[in-house]
Amino acid sequence: MTTKRPFGLPSARVIVIAAVAGVLAGAVAVYVRNMGSGNGEGLLSAQSSGTCEGAVETVKSVSQFSRGQVAAMVPAQPPRPLDLTFKGPDGKDLRTADFGGRTVLLNLWATWCGPCREEMPALNALQKEMGGQDFEVVAVNIDTGTDEKPRAFLAEYGVDRLGYYRDSSMGVFNALKKEGLAFGLPVTLVMDKRGCLISAMNGPAAWDSPDAKALIGAAKGL
């Protein structure tokens, strides 16, 4: 488990915050309309391509592990491809499609978001233990302005296993908010190897917990 917590929040409080966010997410239908690609135009519907038809069983499997520390995770109904753009570690544009072949935990965070800062070391630990050719934690920082604050935070708290992904325009967050997938920060999505949305949650979680690892294992098909 993570030992260094930037704000010293107890795990129980984190769980309560996540659970409340999960109730809110469940109360609002999580769906995606058939729209064009790119942030602001948003996400692609499964009905238009059939790409994610085979992900239905993965959604069912993962939903069985939405409990305990990750109880706020809401299954995608139906699973569908995402098309989002942000900057990679080299500063060049990346799309969610570029992660094809890997299960992805896509997390949006900011330095001014207390719960985001709280869970970041746990995301780092998850990447350290489970990251590889078949899985990656893609934590996208959405601070506006320069790289100074996010880089300083990551260095201060020893977050050394996560790739440096950025969207200073907040376009990724705004696209997800517009489509009913984001209500605040942090926002976390699970995507399968074909880039299909499997599940989503609003609020923090203990991503280095056995519950989280079991959920990621189910998403990977283990």
C-alpha atoms as a PDB file:
ATOM      1  CA  MET A   1       0.000   0.000   0.000  1.00  0.00           C
ATOM      2  CA  THR A   2       1.048   3.570  -0.501  1.00  0.00           C
ATOM      3  CA  THR A   3       2.819   4.941   2.575  1.00  0.00           C
ATOM      4  CA  LYS A   4       3.292   8.604   1.634  1.00  0.00           C
ATOM      5  CA  ARG A   5       0.039  10.511   1.298  1.00  0.00           C
ATOM      6  CA  PRO A   6       0.489  14.148   0.174  1.00  0.00           C
ATOM      7  CA  PHE A   7      -2.483  15.395   2.176  1.00  0.00           C
ATOM      8  CA  GLY A   8      -2.539  12.726   4.877  1.00  0.00           C
ATOM      9  CA  LEU A   9      -6.124  11.751   4.122  1.00  0.00           C
ATOM     10  CA  PRO A  10      -7.130   8.467   5.797  1.00  0.00           C
ATOM     11  CA  SER A  11      -8.041   5.629   3.460  1.00  0.00           C
ATOM     12  CA  ALA A  12     -11.583   5.436   4.852  1.00  0.00           C
ATOM     13  CA  ARG A  13     -12.250   9.024   3.822  1.00  0.00           C
ATOM     14  CA  VAL A  14     -10.962   8.322   0.341  1.00  0.00           C
ATOM     15  CA  ILE A  15     -13.320   5.363   0.054  1.00  0.00           C
ATOM     16  CA  VAL A  16     -16.319   7.458   1.149  1.00  0.00           C
ATOM     17  CA  ILE A  17     -15.497  10.196  -1.375  1.00  0.00           C
ATOM     18  CA  ALA A  18     -15.169   7.611  -4.144  1.00  0.00           C
ATOM     19  CA  ALA A  19     -18.396   5.878  -3.165  1.00  0.00           C
ATOM     20  CA  VAL A  20     -20.360   9.133  -3.247  1.00  0.00           C
ATOM     21  CA  ALA A  21     -18.916   9.926  -6.657  1.00  0.00           C
ATOM     22  CA  GLY A  22     -19.935   6.466  -7.817  1.00  0.00           C
ATOM     23  CA  VAL A  23     -23.533   7.047  -6.750  1.00  0.00           C
ATOM     24  CA  LEU A  24     -23.590  10.281  -8.720  1.00  0.00           C
ATOM     25  CA  ALA A  25     -22.107   8.558 -11.733  1.00  0.00           C
ATOM     26  CA  GLY A  26     -24.667   5.797 -11.518  1.00  0.00           C
ATOM     27  CA  ALA A  27     -27.503   8.272 -11.250  1.00  0.00           C
ATOM     28  CA  VAL A  28     -26.557   9.848 -14.548  1.00  0.00           C
ATOM     29  CA  ALA A  29     -26.721   7.576 -17.600  1.00  0.00           C
ATOM     30  CA  VAL A  30     -23.163   6.969 -18.778  1.00  0.00           C
ATOM     31  CA  TYR A  31     -23.428   6.993 -22.531  1.00  0.00           C
ATOM     32  CA  VAL A  32     -21.649   8.301 -25.602  1.00  0.00           C
ATOM     33  CA  ARG A  33     -23.267   9.841 -28.650  1.00  0.00           C
ATOM     34  CA  ASN A  34     -22.104   9.207 -32.189  1.00  0.00           C
ATOM     35  CA  MET A  35     -19.773  12.140 -32.749  1.00  0.00           C
ATOM     36  CA  GLY A  36     -16.577  12.977 -34.593  1.00  0.00           C
ATOM     37  CA  SER A  37     -13.082  12.389 -33.325  1.00  0.00           C
ATOM     38  CA  GLY A  38     -10.898  14.671 -31.269  1.00  0.00           C
ATOM     39  CA  ASN A  39     -11.352  16.499 -27.971  1.00  0.00           C
ATOM     40  CA  GLY A  40     -14.425  18.713 -28.051  1.00  0.00           C
ATOM     41  CA  GLU A  41     -15.975  16.481 -30.708  1.00  0.00           C
ATOM     42  CA  GLY A  42     -15.462  13.658 -28.347  1.00  0.00           C
ATOM     43  CA  LEU A  43     -16.022   9.960 -28.412  1.00  0.00           C
ATOM     44  CA  LEU A  44     -17.070   7.387 -30.978  1.00  0.00           C
ATOM     45  CA  SER A  45     -20.141   5.207 -30.488  1.00  0.00           C
ATOM     46  CA  ALA A  46     -19.799   1.454 -30.656  1.00  0.00           C
ATOM     47  CA  GLN A  47     -22.891   1.285 -32.839  1.00  0.00           C
ATOM     48  CA  SER A  48     -21.046   3.068 -35.660  1.00  0.00           C
ATOM     49  CA  SER A  49     -18.164   0.620 -35.856  1.00  0.00           C
ATOM     50  CA  GLY A  50     -18.936  -2.585 -33.980  1.00  0.00           C
ATOM     51  CA  THR A  51     -15.359  -2.439 -32.703  1.00  0.00           C
ATOM     52  CA  CYS A  52     -16.340  -3.154 -29.119  1.00  0.00           C
ATOM     53  CA  GLU A  53     -18.941  -5.874 -29.520  1.00  0.00           C
ATOM     54  CA  GLY A  54     -16.499  -8.411 -28.133  1.00  0.00           C
ATOM     55  CA  ALA A  55     -15.874  -6.314 -25.004  1.00  0.00           C
ATOM     56  CA  VAL A  56     -19.265  -7.067 -23.469  1.00  0.00           C
ATOM     57  CA  GLU A  57     -17.911 -10.070 -21.600  1.00  0.00           C
ATOM     58  CA  THR A  58     -14.969  -8.052 -20.324  1.00  0.00           C
ATOM     59  CA  VAL A  59     -17.381  -5.464 -18.933  1.00  0.00           C
ATOM     60  CA  LYS A  60     -19.289  -8.211 -17.130  1.00  0.00           C
ATOM     61  CA  SER A  61     -16.089  -9.680 -15.728  1.00  0.00           C
ATOM     62  CA  VAL A  62     -14.712  -6.337 -14.551  1.00  0.00           C
ATOM     63  CA  SER A  63     -18.037  -5.330 -12.971  1.00  0.00           C
ATOM     64  CA  GLN A  64     -17.743  -8.316 -10.623  1.00  0.00           C
ATOM     65  CA  PHE A  65     -14.598  -6.755  -9.194  1.00  0.00           C
ATOM     66  CA  SER A  66     -16.073  -3.255  -8.698  1.00  0.00           C
ATOM     67  CA  ARG A  67     -16.063  -3.573  -4.947  1.00  0.00           C
ATOM     68  CA  GLY A  68     -14.178  -2.500  -1.852  1.00  0.00           C
ATOM     69  CA  GLN A  69     -11.625   0.177  -2.705  1.00  0.00           C
ATOM     70  CA  VAL A  70     -12.926   0.440  -6.287  1.00  0.00           C
ATOM     71  CA  ALA A  71     -16.653   0.087  -5.580  1.00  0.00           C
ATOM     72  CA  ALA A  72     -17.367   3.372  -7.378  1.00  0.00           C
ATOM     73  CA  MET A  73     -16.376   1.922 -10.771  1.00  0.00           C
ATOM     74  CA  VAL A  74     -19.400   1.974 -13.108  1.00  0.00           C
ATOM     75  CA  PRO A  75     -19.554  -0.464 -16.065  1.00  0.00           C
ATOM     76  CA  ALA A  76     -19.850   0.961 -19.571  1.00  0.00           C
ATOM     77  CA  GLN A  77     -23.249   0.262 -21.126  1.00  0.00           C
ATOM     78  CA  PRO A  78     -22.399  -0.425 -23.856  1.00  0.00           C
ATOM     79  CA  PRO A  79     -18.599  -0.652 -24.171  1.00  0.00           C
ATOM     80  CA  ARG A  80     -17.410   1.714 -26.911  1.00  0.00           C
ATOM     81  CA  PRO A  81     -14.222   3.197 -28.346  1.00  0.00           C
ATOM     82  CA  LEU A  82     -12.800   6.446 -27.032  1.00  0.00           C
ATOM     83  CA  ASP A  83     -11.057   9.010 -29.197  1.00  0.00           C
ATOM     84  CA  LEU A  84      -9.195  11.525 -27.034  1.00  0.00           C
ATOM     85  CA  THR A  85      -6.046  13.553 -27.662  1.00  0.00           C
ATOM     86  CA  PHE A  86      -3.340  14.778 -25.269  1.00  0.00           C
ATOM     87  CA  LYS A  87       0.418  15.332 -25.197  1.00  0.00           C
ATOM     88  CA  GLY A  88       2.867  12.497 -24.650  1.00  0.00           C
ATOM     89  CA  PRO A  89       6.170  12.585 -22.735  1.00  0.00           C
ATOM     90  CA  ASP A  90       7.895  14.022 -25.815  1.00  0.00           C
ATOM     91  CA  GLY A  91       5.330  16.833 -26.117  1.00  0.00           C
ATOM     92  CA  LYS A  92       3.787  15.396 -29.281  1.00  0.00           C
ATOM     93  CA  ASP A  93       0.093  14.632 -29.744  1.00  0.00           C
ATOM     94  CA  LEU A  94      -1.129  11.204 -28.697  1.00  0.00           C
ATOM     95  CA  ARG A  95      -4.539   9.621 -29.203  1.00  0.00           C
ATOM     96  CA  THR A  96      -6.109   6.889 -27.156  1.00  0.00           C
ATOM     97  CA  ALA A  97      -5.842   4.710 -30.275  1.00  0.00           C
ATOM     98  CA  ASP A  98      -2.051   4.868 -29.931  1.00  0.00           C
ATOM     99  CA  PHE A  99      -2.319   2.606 -26.892  1.00  0.00           C
ATOM    100  CA  GLY A 100      -3.853  -0.249 -28.879  1.00  0.00           C
ATOM    101  CA  GLY A 101      -2.736  -3.660 -27.651  1.00  0.00           C
ATOM    102  CA  ARG A 102      -2.586  -2.512 -24.021  1.00  0.00           C
ATOM    103  CA  THR A 103      -5.206  -2.372 -21.310  1.00  0.00           C
ATOM    104  CA  VAL A 104      -5.170   1.221 -20.060  1.00  0.00           C
ATOM    105  CA  LEU A 105      -6.159   2.908 -16.812  1.00  0.00           C
ATOM    106  CA  LEU A 106      -6.690   6.493 -17.993  1.00  0.00           C
ATOM    107  CA  ASN A 107      -6.667   8.963 -15.105  1.00  0.00           C
ATOM    108  CA  LEU A 108      -7.177  12.753 -15.244  1.00  0.00           C
ATOM    109  CA  TRP A 109      -5.571  14.761 -12.447  1.00  0.00           C
ATOM    110  CA  ALA A 110      -4.402  18.249 -11.475  1.00  0.00           C
ATOM    111  CA  THR A 111      -2.064  19.635  -8.821  1.00  0.00           C
ATOM    112  CA  TRP A 112      -4.873  21.797  -7.397  1.00  0.00           C
ATOM    113  CA  CYS A 113      -7.084  18.733  -6.852  1.00  0.00           C
ATOM    114  CA  GLY A 114      -6.515  17.348  -3.338  1.00  0.00           C
ATOM    115  CA  PRO A 115      -7.962  13.850  -3.967  1.00  0.00           C
ATOM    116  CA  CYS A 116      -5.906  13.619  -7.176  1.00  0.00           C
ATOM    117  CA  ARG A 117      -2.712  14.329  -5.282  1.00  0.00           C
ATOM    118  CA  GLU A 118      -3.760  11.815  -2.636  1.00  0.00           C
ATOM    119  CA  GLU A 119      -4.085   8.926  -5.068  1.00  0.00           C
ATOM    120  CA  MET A 120      -1.136   9.690  -7.349  1.00  0.00           C
ATOM    121  CA  PRO A 121       1.458   7.658  -5.372  1.00  0.00           C
ATOM    122  CA  ALA A 122      -0.931   4.681  -5.493  1.00  0.00           C
ATOM    123  CA  LEU A 123      -1.245   4.991  -9.275  1.00  0.00           C
ATOM    124  CA  ASN A 124       2.540   5.041  -9.424  1.00  0.00           C
ATOM    125  CA  ALA A 125       2.674   1.862  -7.332  1.00  0.00           C
ATOM    126  CA  LEU A 126       0.114   0.167  -9.582  1.00  0.00           C
ATOM    127  CA  GLN A 127       2.184   0.983 -12.658  1.00  0.00           C
ATOM    128  CA  LYS A 128       5.321  -0.284 -10.926  1.00  0.00           C
ATOM    129  CA  GLU A 129       3.733  -3.635 -10.092  1.00  0.00           C
ATOM    130  CA  MET A 130       1.478  -4.296 -13.080  1.00  0.00           C
ATOM    131  CA  GLY A 131       2.701  -2.015 -15.854  1.00  0.00           C
ATOM    132  CA  GLY A 132       4.255  -3.552 -18.954  1.00  0.00           C
ATOM    133  CA  GLN A 133       3.602  -4.362 -22.585  1.00  0.00           C
ATOM    134  CA  ASP A 134      -0.013  -5.323 -21.828  1.00  0.00           C
ATOM    135  CA  PHE A 135      -1.002  -2.621 -19.299  1.00  0.00           C
ATOM    136  CA  GLU A 136      -0.257   1.031 -18.564  1.00  0.00           C
ATOM    137  CA  VAL A 137      -1.473   3.660 -16.155  1.00  0.00           C
ATOM    138  CA  VAL A 138      -1.894   6.776 -18.304  1.00  0.00           C
ATOM    139  CA  ALA A 139      -2.219   9.684 -15.869  1.00  0.00           C
ATOM    140  CA  VAL A 140      -3.001  12.867 -17.806  1.00  0.00           C
ATOM    141  CA  ASN A 141      -2.348  16.131 -15.992  1.00  0.00           C
ATOM    142  CA  ILE A 142      -4.756  18.936 -16.899  1.00  0.00           C
ATOM    143  CA  ASP A 143      -3.135  21.909 -15.135  1.00  0.00           C
ATOM    144  CA  THR A 144      -3.300  24.998 -17.308  1.00  0.00           C
ATOM    145  CA  GLY A 145      -0.103  26.950 -17.881  1.00  0.00           C
ATOM    146  CA  THR A 146       3.414  25.531 -17.879  1.00  0.00           C
ATOM    147  CA  ASP A 147       4.819  22.149 -16.827  1.00  0.00           C
ATOM    148  CA  GLU A 148       6.463  23.576 -13.708  1.00  0.00           C
ATOM    149  CA  LYS A 149       3.869  22.645 -11.073  1.00  0.00           C
ATOM    150  CA  PRO A 150       2.985  19.126 -12.256  1.00  0.00           C
ATOM    151  CA  ARG A 151       6.627  18.169 -12.754  1.00  0.00           C
ATOM    152  CA  ALA A 152       7.559  19.564  -9.340  1.00  0.00           C
ATOM    153  CA  PHE A 153       4.767  17.598  -7.670  1.00  0.00           C
ATOM    154  CA  LEU A 154       5.733  14.321  -9.332  1.00  0.00           C
ATOM    155  CA  ALA A 155       9.365  14.809  -8.340  1.00  0.00           C
ATOM    156  CA  GLU A 156       8.539  15.752  -4.748  1.00  0.00           C
ATOM    157  CA  TYR A 157       6.435  12.661  -4.136  1.00  0.00           C
ATOM    158  CA  GLY A 158       8.598  10.191  -5.992  1.00  0.00           C
ATOM    159  CA  VAL A 159       6.135   9.479  -8.792  1.00  0.00           C
ATOM    160  CA  ASP A 160       8.716   7.939 -11.097  1.00  0.00           C
ATOM    161  CA  ARG A 161       6.927   5.126 -12.917  1.00  0.00           C
ATOM    162  CA  LEU A 162       4.230   7.078 -14.729  1.00  0.00           C
ATOM    163  CA  GLY A 163       4.695   8.557 -18.173  1.00  0.00           C
ATOM    164  CA  TYR A 164       4.319  12.335 -18.311  1.00  0.00           C
ATOM    165  CA  TYR A 165       1.044  12.981 -20.137  1.00  0.00           C
ATOM    166  CA  ARG A 166      -0.444  16.488 -20.357  1.00  0.00           C
ATOM    167  CA  ASP A 167      -3.428  18.414 -21.655  1.00  0.00           C
ATOM    168  CA  SER A 168      -3.074  22.039 -20.549  1.00  0.00           C
ATOM    169  CA  SER A 169      -6.155  22.939 -22.613  1.00  0.00           C
ATOM    170  CA  MET A 170      -8.331  20.671 -20.406  1.00  0.00           C
ATOM    171  CA  GLY A 171      -9.869  19.415 -23.648  1.00  0.00           C
ATOM    172  CA  VAL A 172      -9.880  15.788 -22.486  1.00  0.00           C
ATOM    173  CA  PHE A 173     -11.772  16.654 -19.303  1.00  0.00           C
ATOM    174  CA  ASN A 174     -14.254  18.895 -21.105  1.00  0.00           C
ATOM    175  CA  ALA A 175     -14.968  16.194 -23.700  1.00  0.00           C
ATOM    176  CA  LEU A 176     -15.639  13.611 -20.988  1.00  0.00           C
ATOM    177  CA  LYS A 177     -17.731  16.076 -18.995  1.00  0.00           C
ATOM    178  CA  LYS A 178     -19.838  16.887 -22.055  1.00  0.00           C
ATOM    179  CA  GLU A 179     -20.543  13.201 -22.566  1.00  0.00           C
ATOM    180  CA  GLY A 180     -21.510  12.489 -18.944  1.00  0.00           C
ATOM    181  CA  LEU A 181     -18.334  10.677 -17.959  1.00  0.00           C
ATOM    182  CA  ALA A 182     -16.709  13.368 -15.794  1.00  0.00           C
ATOM    183  CA  PHE A 183     -18.236  15.334 -12.932  1.00  0.00           C
ATOM    184  CA  GLY A 184     -15.042  16.529 -11.254  1.00  0.00           C
ATOM    185  CA  LEU A 185     -11.525  15.294 -10.548  1.00  0.00           C
ATOM    186  CA  PRO A 186     -10.062  12.763 -10.469  1.00  0.00           C
ATOM    187  CA  VAL A 187     -11.695  10.845 -13.302  1.00  0.00           C
ATOM    188  CA  THR A 188     -10.559   7.308 -14.100  1.00  0.00           C
ATOM    189  CA  LEU A 189     -11.461   5.139 -17.090  1.00  0.00           C
ATOM    190  CA  VAL A 190     -10.553   1.542 -17.866  1.00  0.00           C
ATOM    191  CA  MET A 191     -10.021   0.754 -21.558  1.00  0.00           C
ATOM    192  CA  ASP A 192      -9.335  -2.638 -23.075  1.00  0.00           C
ATOM    193  CA  LYS A 193      -6.679  -3.542 -25.646  1.00  0.00           C
ATOM    194  CA  ARG A 194      -8.877  -2.335 -28.509  1.00  0.00           C
ATOM    195  CA  GLY A 195      -9.397   1.051 -26.902  1.00  0.00           C
ATOM    196  CA  CYS A 196     -12.936   0.265 -25.761  1.00  0.00           C
ATOM    197  CA  LEU A 197     -14.325   1.886 -22.630  1.00  0.00           C
ATOM    198  CA  ILE A 198     -14.948  -0.836 -20.045  1.00  0.00           C
ATOM    199  CA  SER A 199     -15.748   1.150 -16.919  1.00  0.00           C
ATOM    200  CA  ALA A 200     -15.406   4.617 -15.384  1.00  0.00           C
ATOM    201  CA  MET A 201     -15.433   6.308 -12.015  1.00  0.00           C
ATOM    202  CA  ASN A 202     -15.354   9.785 -10.533  1.00  0.00           C
ATOM    203  CA  GLY A 203     -13.416  10.259  -7.311  1.00  0.00           C
ATOM    204  CA  PRO A 204     -10.217   8.810  -5.845  1.00  0.00           C
ATOM    205  CA  ALA A 205      -9.368   5.200  -5.076  1.00  0.00           C
ATOM    206  CA  ALA A 206      -6.562   3.204  -3.496  1.00  0.00           C
ATOM    207  CA  TRP A 207      -5.116   1.977  -6.779  1.00  0.00           C
ATOM    208  CA  ASP A 208      -2.391  -0.012  -5.068  1.00  0.00           C
ATOM    209  CA  SER A 209      -4.943  -2.107  -3.155  1.00  0.00           C
ATOM    210  CA  PRO A 210      -5.768  -5.787  -3.789  1.00  0.00           C
ATOM    211  CA  ASP A 211      -9.254  -4.731  -4.953  1.00  0.00           C
ATOM    212  CA  ALA A 212      -7.807  -2.459  -7.640  1.00  0.00           C
ATOM    213  CA  LYS A 213      -5.272  -5.038  -8.783  1.00  0.00           C
ATOM    214  CA  ALA A 214      -8.001  -7.672  -9.071  1.00  0.00           C
ATOM    215  CA  LEU A 215     -10.099  -5.304 -11.208  1.00  0.00           C
ATOM    216  CA  ILE A 216      -7.169  -4.575 -13.523  1.00  0.00           C
ATOM    217  CA  GLY A 217      -6.447  -8.297 -13.767  1.00  0.00           C
ATOM    218  CA  ALA A 218     -10.036  -8.872 -14.900  1.00  0.00           C
ATOM    219  CA  ALA A 219      -9.722  -6.067 -17.458  1.00  0.00           C
ATOM    220  CA  LYS A 220      -6.563  -7.714 -18.814  1.00  0.00           C
ATOM    221  CA  GLY A 221      -8.380 -11.033 -19.036  1.00  0.00           C
ATOM    222  CA  LEU A 222      -6.248 -12.793 -16.429  1.00  0.00           C
END
